[in-house]
Protein backbone atom coordinates (compact mmCIF):
# COMPACT_ATOMS: atom_id res chain seq x y z
CA MET A 1 -13.82 17.07 -14.47
CA TYR A 2 -12.93 17.94 -18.06
CA VAL A 3 -10.30 20.11 -19.66
CA VAL A 4 -11.78 22.94 -21.71
CA ARG A 5 -10.54 22.84 -25.33
CA GLY A 6 -9.19 26.40 -25.46
CA ALA A 7 -12.11 28.80 -25.27
CA ASN A 8 -14.34 26.59 -27.41
CA LEU A 9 -17.86 26.99 -26.07
CA LYS A 10 -21.00 25.69 -27.74
CA GLY A 11 -24.31 26.93 -26.36
CA GLY A 12 -22.53 27.91 -23.16
CA LEU A 13 -21.15 24.40 -22.55
CA ALA A 14 -17.45 23.66 -22.66
CA THR A 15 -16.42 20.91 -25.06
CA VAL A 16 -14.17 18.26 -23.58
CA THR A 17 -10.86 16.89 -24.70
CA ARG A 18 -11.21 13.87 -26.95
CA ILE A 19 -8.45 11.38 -27.52
CA ALA A 20 -8.29 8.05 -29.32
CA ILE A 21 -6.46 4.78 -28.76
CA VAL A 22 -6.25 2.58 -31.85
CA LEU A 23 -5.35 -1.05 -31.14
CA ALA A 24 -3.09 -2.30 -33.93
CA ALA A 25 -0.61 -4.66 -32.31
CA GLY A 26 -1.99 -8.07 -33.30
CA GLN A 27 -0.11 -10.23 -35.77
CA GLY A 28 -3.11 -11.45 -37.76
CA LYS A 29 -1.97 -15.03 -38.35
CA ARG A 30 -5.25 -15.98 -40.01
CA MET A 31 -4.53 -13.53 -42.84
CA LYS A 32 -1.68 -15.89 -43.86
CA SER A 33 0.24 -12.96 -45.26
CA LYS A 34 3.65 -11.34 -45.13
CA LEU A 35 1.82 -8.01 -44.88
CA TYR A 36 0.97 -6.94 -41.34
CA LYS A 37 -2.79 -7.29 -40.77
CA VAL A 38 -3.90 -3.69 -40.26
CA LEU A 39 -1.95 -2.63 -43.37
CA HIS A 40 -4.09 -4.74 -45.67
CA PRO A 41 -5.95 -2.28 -47.87
CA VAL A 42 -9.70 -1.84 -48.15
CA CYS A 43 -10.62 0.22 -51.21
CA GLY A 44 -7.05 1.39 -51.63
CA LYS A 45 -6.30 2.43 -48.05
CA PRO A 46 -4.90 0.33 -45.16
CA MET A 47 -7.50 -0.65 -42.59
CA VAL A 48 -5.76 1.24 -39.80
CA GLU A 49 -5.74 4.40 -41.91
CA HIS A 50 -9.51 4.19 -42.35
CA VAL A 51 -9.83 3.93 -38.57
CA LEU A 52 -7.48 6.84 -37.99
CA ASP A 53 -9.49 8.98 -40.41
CA ALA A 54 -12.66 8.10 -38.49
CA VAL A 55 -11.34 9.10 -35.06
CA LYS A 56 -9.97 12.34 -36.45
CA GLY A 57 -13.33 12.98 -38.09
CA ALA A 58 -14.88 12.57 -34.64
CA SER A 59 -12.75 15.48 -33.36
CA CYS A 60 -10.23 13.41 -31.44
CA GLU A 61 -7.35 15.80 -30.83
CA ARG A 62 -4.75 13.11 -30.26
CA ALA A 63 -4.57 9.55 -31.51
CA VAL A 64 -2.18 6.92 -30.17
CA VAL A 65 -1.78 3.80 -32.29
CA VAL A 66 -0.69 0.81 -30.21
CA VAL A 67 1.68 -1.22 -32.37
CA GLY A 68 3.41 -4.55 -31.91
CA HIS A 69 4.03 -6.94 -34.79
CA GLY A 70 5.02 -4.92 -37.85
CA ALA A 71 5.44 -1.76 -35.76
CA GLU A 72 7.96 -0.17 -38.10
CA ALA A 73 5.79 -0.83 -41.15
CA VAL A 74 2.80 0.84 -39.47
CA ARG A 75 4.90 3.85 -38.45
CA ALA A 76 6.30 4.13 -41.96
CA ARG A 77 2.80 4.16 -43.46
CA LEU A 78 1.10 6.52 -41.00
CA GLY A 79 4.08 8.79 -40.32
CA ASP A 80 3.29 11.78 -38.12
CA ALA A 81 -0.48 11.33 -38.54
CA ALA A 82 -0.47 9.56 -35.15
CA GLU A 83 1.47 8.97 -31.96
CA TYR A 84 2.64 5.46 -31.15
CA ALA A 85 2.86 3.13 -28.17
CA LEU A 86 4.60 -0.24 -28.34
CA GLN A 87 3.03 -3.44 -27.02
CA ALA A 88 6.11 -5.63 -27.11
CA GLU A 89 4.20 -8.69 -25.86
CA GLN A 90 0.60 -9.33 -26.93
CA LEU A 91 -1.05 -9.92 -23.57
CA GLY A 92 -4.60 -8.90 -24.39
CA THR A 93 -6.65 -5.83 -25.26
CA GLY A 94 -6.51 -4.38 -21.75
CA HIS A 95 -2.73 -4.68 -21.74
CA ALA A 96 -2.61 -3.01 -25.16
CA VAL A 97 -4.58 0.04 -23.98
CA LEU A 98 -2.35 0.27 -20.89
CA GLN A 99 0.67 0.88 -23.14
CA ALA A 100 -0.77 4.33 -23.98
CA LYS A 101 -0.87 5.38 -20.31
CA PRO A 102 2.47 7.27 -20.35
CA GLN A 103 1.14 9.52 -23.12
CA LEU A 104 -2.54 9.79 -22.23
CA GLY A 105 -3.09 8.61 -18.66
CA ASP A 106 -3.18 12.06 -17.05
CA ILE A 107 -5.62 13.67 -19.48
CA ASP A 108 -9.07 14.69 -18.27
CA GLY A 109 -11.54 13.93 -21.03
CA VAL A 110 -12.96 11.07 -23.04
CA ALA A 111 -11.03 8.32 -24.76
CA VAL A 112 -12.31 6.46 -27.79
CA VAL A 113 -10.85 2.95 -28.01
CA VAL A 114 -11.18 1.26 -31.36
CA CYS A 115 -9.53 -1.67 -33.10
CA GLY A 116 -7.31 -1.00 -36.12
CA ASP A 117 -8.91 -3.85 -38.08
CA THR A 118 -12.42 -2.28 -38.18
CA PRO A 119 -12.20 -0.23 -41.38
CA LEU A 120 -15.95 0.32 -41.71
CA VAL A 121 -16.38 2.31 -38.51
CA THR A 122 -17.38 5.89 -39.33
CA ALA A 123 -16.67 9.29 -37.84
CA GLU A 124 -20.43 9.90 -37.59
CA THR A 125 -20.94 6.83 -35.43
CA LEU A 126 -17.98 7.67 -33.20
CA GLU A 127 -19.32 11.21 -32.85
CA ALA A 128 -22.72 9.81 -31.80
CA LEU A 129 -20.99 7.41 -29.38
CA VAL A 130 -19.15 10.26 -27.65
CA ALA A 131 -22.26 12.49 -27.64
CA LEU A 132 -24.30 9.82 -25.84
CA HIS A 133 -21.44 9.17 -23.43
CA GLU A 134 -21.24 12.84 -22.48
CA LYS A 135 -25.02 13.31 -22.32
CA GLU A 136 -25.49 10.42 -19.89
CA GLY A 137 -22.40 11.16 -17.82
CA ALA A 138 -21.26 7.57 -18.27
CA ALA A 139 -17.93 6.15 -17.21
CA ALA A 140 -17.99 3.89 -20.25
CA THR A 141 -20.12 3.67 -23.37
CA ILE A 142 -20.07 0.63 -25.61
CA MET A 143 -20.69 0.73 -29.35
CA THR A 144 -23.09 -2.06 -30.16
CA ALA A 145 -24.75 -3.45 -33.26
CA GLU A 146 -27.77 -5.63 -33.93
CA LEU A 147 -27.00 -8.66 -36.06
CA GLU A 148 -29.30 -11.20 -37.70
CA THR A 149 -26.90 -13.97 -36.64
CA PRO A 150 -25.03 -12.84 -33.51
CA ALA A 151 -23.35 -16.18 -32.82
CA GLY A 152 -19.77 -15.77 -31.65
CA TYR A 153 -20.21 -12.26 -30.27
CA GLY A 154 -20.64 -11.04 -26.71
CA ARG A 155 -24.29 -10.10 -26.01
CA ILE A 156 -25.39 -6.79 -24.48
CA VAL A 157 -27.81 -7.30 -21.59
CA ARG A 158 -29.70 -4.10 -20.77
CA GLY A 159 -31.83 -3.06 -17.80
CA GLU A 160 -35.34 -1.66 -17.91
CA ALA A 161 -34.03 1.90 -18.31
CA GLY A 162 -31.77 0.89 -21.21
CA GLU A 163 -28.61 0.87 -19.14
CA VAL A 164 -26.07 -1.87 -19.76
CA LEU A 165 -26.13 -4.52 -17.05
CA ARG A 166 -23.43 -6.76 -18.44
CA ILE A 167 -21.69 -8.19 -21.48
CA VAL A 168 -22.13 -11.95 -21.73
CA GLU A 169 -19.77 -13.93 -23.95
CA GLN A 170 -21.28 -16.51 -26.30
CA LYS A 171 -20.03 -19.50 -24.31
CA ASP A 172 -21.59 -18.17 -21.10
CA CYS A 173 -25.03 -17.26 -22.51
CA THR A 174 -28.26 -18.70 -21.15
CA PRO A 175 -30.81 -19.59 -23.84
CA GLU A 176 -32.51 -16.23 -23.22
CA GLU A 177 -29.24 -14.32 -23.49
CA ALA A 178 -28.22 -16.23 -26.63
CA ALA A 179 -31.43 -14.95 -28.27
CA ILE A 180 -30.27 -11.34 -27.83
CA ARG A 181 -29.16 -9.87 -31.15
CA GLU A 182 -27.40 -6.76 -29.81
CA ILE A 183 -23.65 -7.46 -29.67
CA ASN A 184 -20.47 -5.79 -28.44
CA THR A 185 -18.47 -4.41 -31.39
CA GLY A 186 -15.27 -3.87 -29.40
CA THR A 187 -15.36 -0.08 -29.81
CA TYR A 188 -15.74 1.99 -26.64
CA CYS A 189 -15.77 5.48 -25.19
CA PHE A 190 -14.42 5.94 -21.64
CA ASP A 191 -13.87 8.61 -19.08
CA ASN A 192 -10.13 8.62 -19.67
CA LYS A 193 -8.89 8.72 -16.06
CA LYS A 194 -11.43 6.14 -14.93
CA LEU A 195 -10.32 3.89 -17.78
CA PHE A 196 -6.69 3.83 -16.72
CA ALA A 197 -7.58 3.54 -13.01
CA ALA A 198 -9.72 0.49 -13.78
CA LEU A 199 -7.05 -1.02 -16.02
CA SER A 200 -4.71 -1.16 -13.03
CA GLN A 201 -7.19 -3.59 -11.42
CA VAL A 202 -7.54 -5.93 -14.41
CA THR A 203 -5.92 -9.34 -13.94
CA ASN A 204 -5.04 -12.16 -16.29
CA ALA A 205 -6.82 -14.83 -14.25
CA ASN A 206 -8.46 -16.47 -17.25
CA ALA A 207 -7.91 -19.40 -19.57
CA GLN A 208 -5.90 -17.30 -22.02
CA GLY A 209 -3.76 -15.61 -19.38
CA GLU A 210 -4.51 -12.22 -20.93
CA TYR A 211 -5.66 -8.83 -19.68
CA TYR A 212 -9.04 -8.06 -21.26
CA LEU A 213 -10.41 -4.59 -21.88
CA THR A 214 -13.95 -5.92 -21.33
CA ASP A 215 -13.06 -6.52 -17.68
CA VAL A 216 -12.95 -2.74 -17.24
CA ILE A 217 -16.73 -2.65 -17.79
CA GLY A 218 -17.34 -5.00 -14.85
CA ILE A 219 -14.92 -3.11 -12.60
CA LEU A 220 -16.64 0.21 -13.31
CA GLN A 221 -20.07 -1.32 -12.70
CA LYS A 222 -18.99 -2.65 -9.31
CA GLN A 223 -17.88 0.89 -8.46
CA GLY A 224 -21.42 2.11 -9.18
CA GLU A 225 -20.49 3.86 -12.42
CA ARG A 226 -22.95 4.22 -15.28
CA ILE A 227 -22.34 2.10 -18.37
CA SER A 228 -24.15 3.19 -21.54
CA ALA A 229 -24.40 1.75 -25.03
CA HIS A 230 -24.88 3.30 -28.45
CA LYS A 231 -26.25 1.03 -31.18
CA THR A 232 -24.92 1.78 -34.64
CA LEU A 233 -27.49 1.87 -37.42
CA ASP A 234 -25.09 0.07 -39.77
CA PRO A 235 -24.12 -3.42 -38.57
CA ALA A 236 -21.23 -3.39 -41.06
CA GLU A 237 -19.34 -1.13 -38.67
CA ALA A 238 -19.00 -4.11 -36.33
CA ILE A 239 -16.89 -6.08 -38.80
CA GLY A 240 -13.40 -6.85 -37.55
CA VAL A 241 -11.14 -8.25 -40.23
CA ASN A 242 -9.26 -11.34 -39.11
CA ASP A 243 -8.99 -13.32 -42.36
CA ARG A 244 -9.22 -12.90 -46.13
CA ILE A 245 -12.92 -13.76 -46.14
CA ALA A 246 -13.71 -10.87 -43.80
CA LEU A 247 -11.36 -8.65 -45.78
CA GLY A 248 -13.30 -9.39 -48.96
CA GLU A 249 -16.59 -8.65 -47.20
CA ALA A 250 -15.25 -5.37 -45.84
CA GLU A 251 -14.09 -4.43 -49.34
CA ARG A 252 -17.54 -5.22 -50.79
CA LEU A 253 -19.36 -3.17 -48.15
CA MET A 254 -16.91 -0.26 -48.41
CA ARG A 255 -17.30 -0.18 -52.20
CA ARG A 256 -21.06 -0.05 -51.81
CA ARG A 257 -20.76 2.78 -49.28
CA ILE A 258 -18.40 4.77 -51.52
CA ALA A 259 -20.67 4.30 -54.54
CA ALA A 260 -23.70 5.48 -52.57
CA LYS A 261 -21.82 8.60 -51.44
CA HIS A 262 -21.00 9.58 -55.01
CA GLN A 263 -24.51 8.83 -56.23
CA THR A 264 -25.95 10.96 -53.44
CA ASN A 265 -23.64 13.77 -54.57
CA GLY A 266 -24.98 13.70 -58.12
CA VAL A 267 -22.72 11.22 -59.90
CA THR A 268 -24.22 8.62 -62.25
CA LEU A 269 -22.74 5.15 -61.87
CA ILE A 270 -24.14 3.08 -64.72
CA ASP A 271 -23.29 -0.19 -62.93
CA ALA A 272 -22.05 0.45 -59.40
CA GLU A 273 -21.38 -3.23 -58.68
CA HIS A 274 -18.88 -3.36 -61.54
CA THR A 275 -17.16 -0.05 -60.85
CA TYR A 276 -14.19 0.18 -58.45
CA ILE A 277 -13.71 3.52 -56.67
CA GLU A 278 -11.19 3.95 -53.88
CA ALA A 279 -11.89 5.86 -50.70
CA ASP A 280 -10.16 9.19 -51.47
CA VAL A 281 -11.47 9.66 -55.02
CA VAL A 282 -13.44 12.85 -55.70
CA ILE A 283 -16.03 13.04 -58.52
CA GLY A 284 -17.97 16.14 -59.54
CA ALA A 285 -21.71 16.34 -60.06
CA ASP A 286 -23.28 15.21 -63.34
CA SER A 287 -20.31 13.07 -64.26
CA ILE A 288 -21.04 9.59 -65.60
CA VAL A 289 -18.93 6.56 -64.77
CA TYR A 290 -19.35 3.44 -66.91
CA PRO A 291 -18.72 -0.15 -65.74
CA GLY A 292 -15.29 -1.70 -65.73
CA THR A 293 -13.77 1.58 -64.55
CA VAL A 294 -11.14 1.66 -61.78
CA LEU A 295 -10.52 4.95 -59.94
CA ARG A 296 -7.59 4.83 -57.52
CA GLY A 297 -5.66 6.95 -55.05
CA ARG A 298 -6.35 10.67 -54.98
CA THR A 299 -7.97 10.89 -58.39
CA VAL A 300 -10.12 14.00 -58.81
CA ILE A 301 -12.72 14.12 -61.57
CA GLY A 302 -14.53 17.33 -62.40
CA GLU A 303 -18.16 17.93 -63.30
CA ASP A 304 -19.88 16.74 -66.48
CA CYS A 305 -17.20 14.18 -67.29
CA VAL A 306 -17.69 10.79 -68.95
CA ILE A 307 -15.34 8.14 -67.57
CA GLY A 308 -15.24 4.67 -69.07
CA PRO A 309 -16.13 2.09 -69.88
CA SER A 310 -12.96 0.37 -68.69
CA ALA A 311 -10.95 3.44 -67.70
CA ASP A 312 -8.16 2.97 -65.13
CA LEU A 313 -7.11 6.21 -63.40
CA THR A 314 -4.59 6.56 -60.57
CA ASP A 315 -3.84 9.87 -58.82
CA THR A 316 -5.13 11.69 -61.89
CA VAL A 317 -6.90 15.05 -62.16
CA VAL A 318 -9.59 15.34 -64.85
CA GLY A 319 -11.02 18.72 -65.82
CA ASP A 320 -14.71 19.50 -66.25
CA GLY A 321 -16.38 18.05 -69.33
CA SER A 322 -13.60 15.65 -70.25
CA THR A 323 -14.06 12.13 -71.60
CA ILE A 324 -11.81 9.13 -71.00
CA ARG A 325 -12.70 5.80 -72.61
CA GLN A 326 -10.92 2.44 -72.26
CA SER A 327 -7.65 4.09 -71.28
CA VAL A 328 -5.09 4.20 -68.47
CA ALA A 329 -3.89 7.38 -66.73
CA ASP A 330 -1.35 7.46 -63.92
CA GLN A 331 -0.44 10.74 -62.18
CA ALA A 332 -1.70 12.75 -65.13
CA GLU A 333 -3.50 16.10 -65.32
CA LEU A 334 -6.23 16.84 -67.86
CA GLY A 335 -7.70 20.25 -68.49
CA PRO A 336 -11.37 20.84 -69.29
CA GLU A 337 -13.06 19.36 -72.36
CA CYS A 338 -10.30 16.87 -73.17
CA SER A 339 -10.93 13.63 -75.03
CA VAL A 340 -8.79 10.58 -74.30
CA GLY A 341 -9.00 7.11 -75.83
CA PRO A 342 -9.88 4.53 -76.59
CA PHE A 343 -6.76 2.56 -75.61
CA ALA A 344 -4.54 5.50 -74.68
CA TYR A 345 -1.91 5.53 -71.92
CA LEU A 346 -1.16 8.73 -70.01
CA ARG A 347 1.93 8.14 -67.88
CA PRO A 348 3.26 10.21 -64.95
CA GLY A 349 4.04 13.82 -65.75
CA THR A 350 1.44 14.14 -68.51
CA LYS A 351 -0.31 17.52 -68.48
CA LEU A 352 -3.00 18.27 -71.02
CA ALA A 353 -4.40 21.78 -71.46
CA ALA A 354 -8.03 22.40 -72.43
CA HIS A 355 -9.60 20.79 -75.51
CA VAL A 356 -6.75 18.34 -76.13
CA LYS A 357 -7.47 15.13 -78.03
CA ILE A 358 -5.46 11.99 -77.28
CA GLY A 359 -6.67 9.18 -79.54
CA ASP A 360 -6.35 5.44 -79.83
CA PHE A 361 -3.07 3.68 -79.05
CA VAL A 362 -1.31 6.92 -78.07
CA GLU A 363 1.18 6.97 -75.19
CA VAL A 364 2.14 10.24 -73.52
CA LYS A 365 4.79 10.46 -70.79
CA ASN A 366 6.18 13.48 -68.91
CA ALA A 367 4.85 15.81 -71.57
CA VAL A 368 2.91 19.07 -71.59
CA VAL A 369 0.38 19.33 -74.43
CA GLY A 370 -1.03 22.76 -75.22
CA GLU A 371 -4.62 23.84 -75.71
CA GLY A 372 -6.46 22.41 -78.69
CA SER A 373 -3.64 20.11 -79.78
CA LYS A 374 -4.37 16.66 -81.22
CA ILE A 375 -2.48 13.39 -81.10
CA PRO A 376 -5.14 11.22 -82.77
CA HIS A 377 -3.60 7.76 -83.02
CA LEU A 378 -0.63 5.37 -82.85
CA SER A 379 1.94 7.85 -81.49
CA TYR A 380 4.40 8.16 -78.63
CA VAL A 381 5.14 11.57 -77.11
CA GLY A 382 7.58 11.50 -74.20
CA ASP A 383 9.63 14.18 -72.44
CA ALA A 384 8.12 16.87 -74.63
CA VAL A 385 6.53 20.30 -74.62
CA VAL A 386 3.84 20.57 -77.28
CA GLY A 387 2.33 23.97 -78.02
CA ALA A 388 -1.26 24.95 -78.77
CA ASN A 389 -3.18 23.75 -81.85
CA VAL A 390 -0.51 21.24 -82.87
CA ASN A 391 -1.44 18.21 -84.95
CA ILE A 392 0.73 15.11 -84.54
CA GLY A 393 0.02 12.55 -87.24
CA CYS A 394 -0.39 8.80 -87.03
CA GLY A 395 2.74 6.85 -86.10
CA ALA A 396 4.82 9.90 -85.07
CA ILE A 397 7.19 9.50 -82.14
CA THR A 398 9.57 11.54 -80.06
CA ALA A 399 12.77 9.50 -79.76
CA ASN A 400 13.66 10.68 -76.27
CA TYR A 401 16.06 8.03 -74.88
CA ASP A 402 19.57 7.10 -75.96
CA GLY A 403 19.94 4.25 -73.50
CA TYR A 404 21.40 6.50 -70.80
CA ASN A 405 19.72 9.93 -70.91
CA LYS A 406 16.27 11.37 -71.56
CA SER A 407 16.15 14.38 -73.89
CA LYS A 408 13.39 16.88 -74.60
CA THR A 409 11.43 17.62 -77.74
CA GLU A 410 9.80 21.04 -78.11
CA ILE A 411 7.06 21.70 -80.65
CA GLY A 412 5.77 25.24 -81.13
CA ASP A 413 2.18 26.45 -81.55
CA ASN A 414 0.31 25.56 -84.75
CA ALA A 415 2.98 23.12 -85.95
CA PHE A 416 2.06 20.09 -88.06
CA ILE A 417 3.92 16.81 -87.58
CA GLY A 418 3.23 14.44 -90.48
CA SER A 419 2.48 10.75 -90.10
CA ASN A 420 5.30 8.33 -89.36
CA SER A 421 7.74 11.07 -88.38
CA ASN A 422 10.58 10.51 -85.93
CA LEU A 423 11.68 13.50 -83.86
CA ILE A 424 15.13 12.66 -82.50
CA ALA A 425 15.56 14.57 -79.22
CA PRO A 426 16.86 16.99 -78.26
CA VAL A 427 15.14 18.88 -81.03
CA THR A 428 12.90 21.94 -81.45
CA ILE A 429 10.14 22.35 -84.03
CA GLY A 430 9.26 26.01 -84.43
CA SER A 431 5.80 27.55 -84.36
CA GLY A 432 3.86 26.98 -87.55
CA ALA A 433 6.48 24.58 -88.91
CA TYR A 434 5.51 21.63 -91.09
CA VAL A 435 7.26 18.27 -90.84
CA VAL A 436 6.56 16.17 -93.90
CA ALA A 437 5.27 12.63 -93.36
CA GLY A 438 7.91 9.93 -93.07
CA SER A 439 10.68 12.33 -91.99
CA THR A 440 13.35 11.62 -89.41
CA ILE A 441 14.20 14.97 -87.84
CA THR A 442 17.62 15.32 -86.23
CA HIS A 443 18.05 19.11 -86.39
CA ASP A 444 15.91 22.02 -85.24
CA VAL A 445 13.20 23.25 -87.60
CA GLY A 446 12.59 26.99 -87.68
CA ALA A 447 9.24 28.72 -87.35
CA ASN A 448 7.06 28.29 -90.45
CA ASP A 449 9.71 26.11 -92.13
CA VAL A 450 8.95 22.88 -93.94
CA ALA A 451 11.21 19.96 -93.02
CA ILE A 452 11.72 16.99 -95.34
CA ALA A 453 14.08 14.31 -94.11
CA ARG A 454 13.61 11.12 -96.12
CA GLU A 455 15.31 9.25 -98.98
CA ARG A 456 14.23 10.10 -102.51
CA GLN A 457 11.95 7.42 -103.94
CA VAL A 458 13.40 5.26 -106.75
CA ASN A 459 11.20 2.97 -108.91
CA LYS A 460 12.83 0.09 -110.89
CA PRO A 461 10.48 -1.10 -113.65
CA GLY A 462 9.87 -4.89 -113.67
CA TYR A 463 12.41 -5.55 -110.92
CA ALA A 464 9.82 -7.14 -108.60
CA GLU A 465 9.86 -10.41 -110.60
CA LYS A 466 13.65 -10.65 -110.23
CA LEU A 467 13.32 -10.25 -106.44
CA ARG A 468 10.67 -12.97 -106.27
CA SER A 469 12.75 -15.38 -108.35
CA ARG A 470 15.83 -14.75 -106.21
CA ALA A 471 13.86 -15.32 -103.00
CA LYS A 472 12.26 -18.52 -104.33
CA ALA A 473 15.64 -19.95 -105.36
CA LYS A 474 17.11 -19.27 -101.92
CA LYS A 475 14.19 -21.02 -100.23
CA GLU A 476 14.65 -24.12 -102.42
CA ARG A 477 18.39 -24.24 -101.66
CA ASP A 478 17.77 -24.00 -97.93
CA GLN A 479 15.33 -26.92 -98.04
C-alpha cells in the first residue's frame, strides 16, 4: 500500500512517504490589509512559513502550497522551499486540495492537510497525528482540540471505542452535541490516494455552493473506512487567524511558547512578558535577557551574555560573555567578551573582535574593530578597519562620505586617536601612531608618528569686552 522511503527501515517496518498540502489561497478580507493574509507575520515570520516549517519538521518529503489571492507574493517569500498549486477560483477547501492532484494524486502514502493561517501548529503534533493514523490504519485522522468555549466550531462525536462517528457543525448540533468540547481544528492526515478518490465525489450542493474538505470524512465513513482523531494537548494549535484580533492572540501565544523554549534551555528572561523574541533567534545557556529587549530575525547570542535592558538586535551574532545595554545592532557581529552601550548603534557590516568596547552614543557602520580596541563615547566610525588595542577618543569621527563615494579609513594596532579628531578618508593611521586631540587629518600618518593638525591658539588680552559691546550694539540696532 505504501512506497518505501529508500531503504529506511525502523524496527523492521518500512516508513511511508509523507507529503503535505498547505491551504493558502484565501484572500483574508477580515484582515483589512493590503498584505495577503498568510504573509502576516507572527513573531517575525509569515504564518504560512511557520506552517511550512512544521510540516517539514514532521518529515513530510514534499509540500505543496495551494495559492490563490496574492500567489506571486507567497511564491516570492517561500521561494523553492515548497511546490505550488494555483486555485484560481476559491470554491472551498475540498476544491483547494484538489488543485494539488496533478502533483500528488498518484503517490502512495499519507498526506497532511493543514491551513496556512494556523501558525501555532507544531511539528510534534503533526508527527503524533501521522503516527496515530498509521498505527490505526485509518483512511483519515482528524486533529482535534478541547476548548473551554467551543462555540462556532464543528464538534467531534466519538463512538464507544473512541472512533470518530461524525463531525457536527455548530448550527446542526443537538443540545447534547453542543455540550461536546472536542472540536475539529481543520488539520487532517489522509491516506493520499483515498483522499483524492473521495474528493472526486464531493459536490457543492450546499448553501455556499462550495466543495468542502469535511465532506471527504463522510464519504470515507460510508465506504466503511476507519476515521481516527488525535487530540492536541495545546488548544492554541487550533487557532486559525482570520482577523487582527486572532493575529494578536497568535502573536501572544507564540511569544510565550518561544520564551518557554529559551527558559527550558537555560536562558534567564527577567521579564518574559516584556521581552520580544522572534522565532528563529538562538540564545546560549546562562545568558540573561532584560525587559524591553527586542531580538529579531536570525540573531544568535552566545552563552553567558547579558542583553538589555532595551536592546534591539536584528540578524546579529553576539559572542560568548558579551554585554549589550540599551543599544541597537543590525546585521552586526560581536566577538566574545565585548561591551556595547548604553545608546550605541551598530549598523550593517560592523564586526567587533574579542574584548572590544563600544560606549555611549557611538555609531559604527561597515567597520572591522580589532581585539581590545575601545571607542568609549560620542564617536562615529564608518567604512573603517581599526586594528587591535586602539583607543578612539570622545567626539572622533571618520569622515567617510563626500556626497557621492564612500572611502575607507585604516587605523593600525596600538594607535591613539585623540578626542574631537576628524579623519578625512581615504586615510591611513599607522600602528602606534598618535593623533593629537582636535586634529583634522587629511594625509596618512606613519607608524609611531605624532600628527598635529590644528590652528595655533592665539589669546587677545581684554578683547572679550569689545566683542560683547559690538554684539550688544548690533542687537539694539536690529530692534
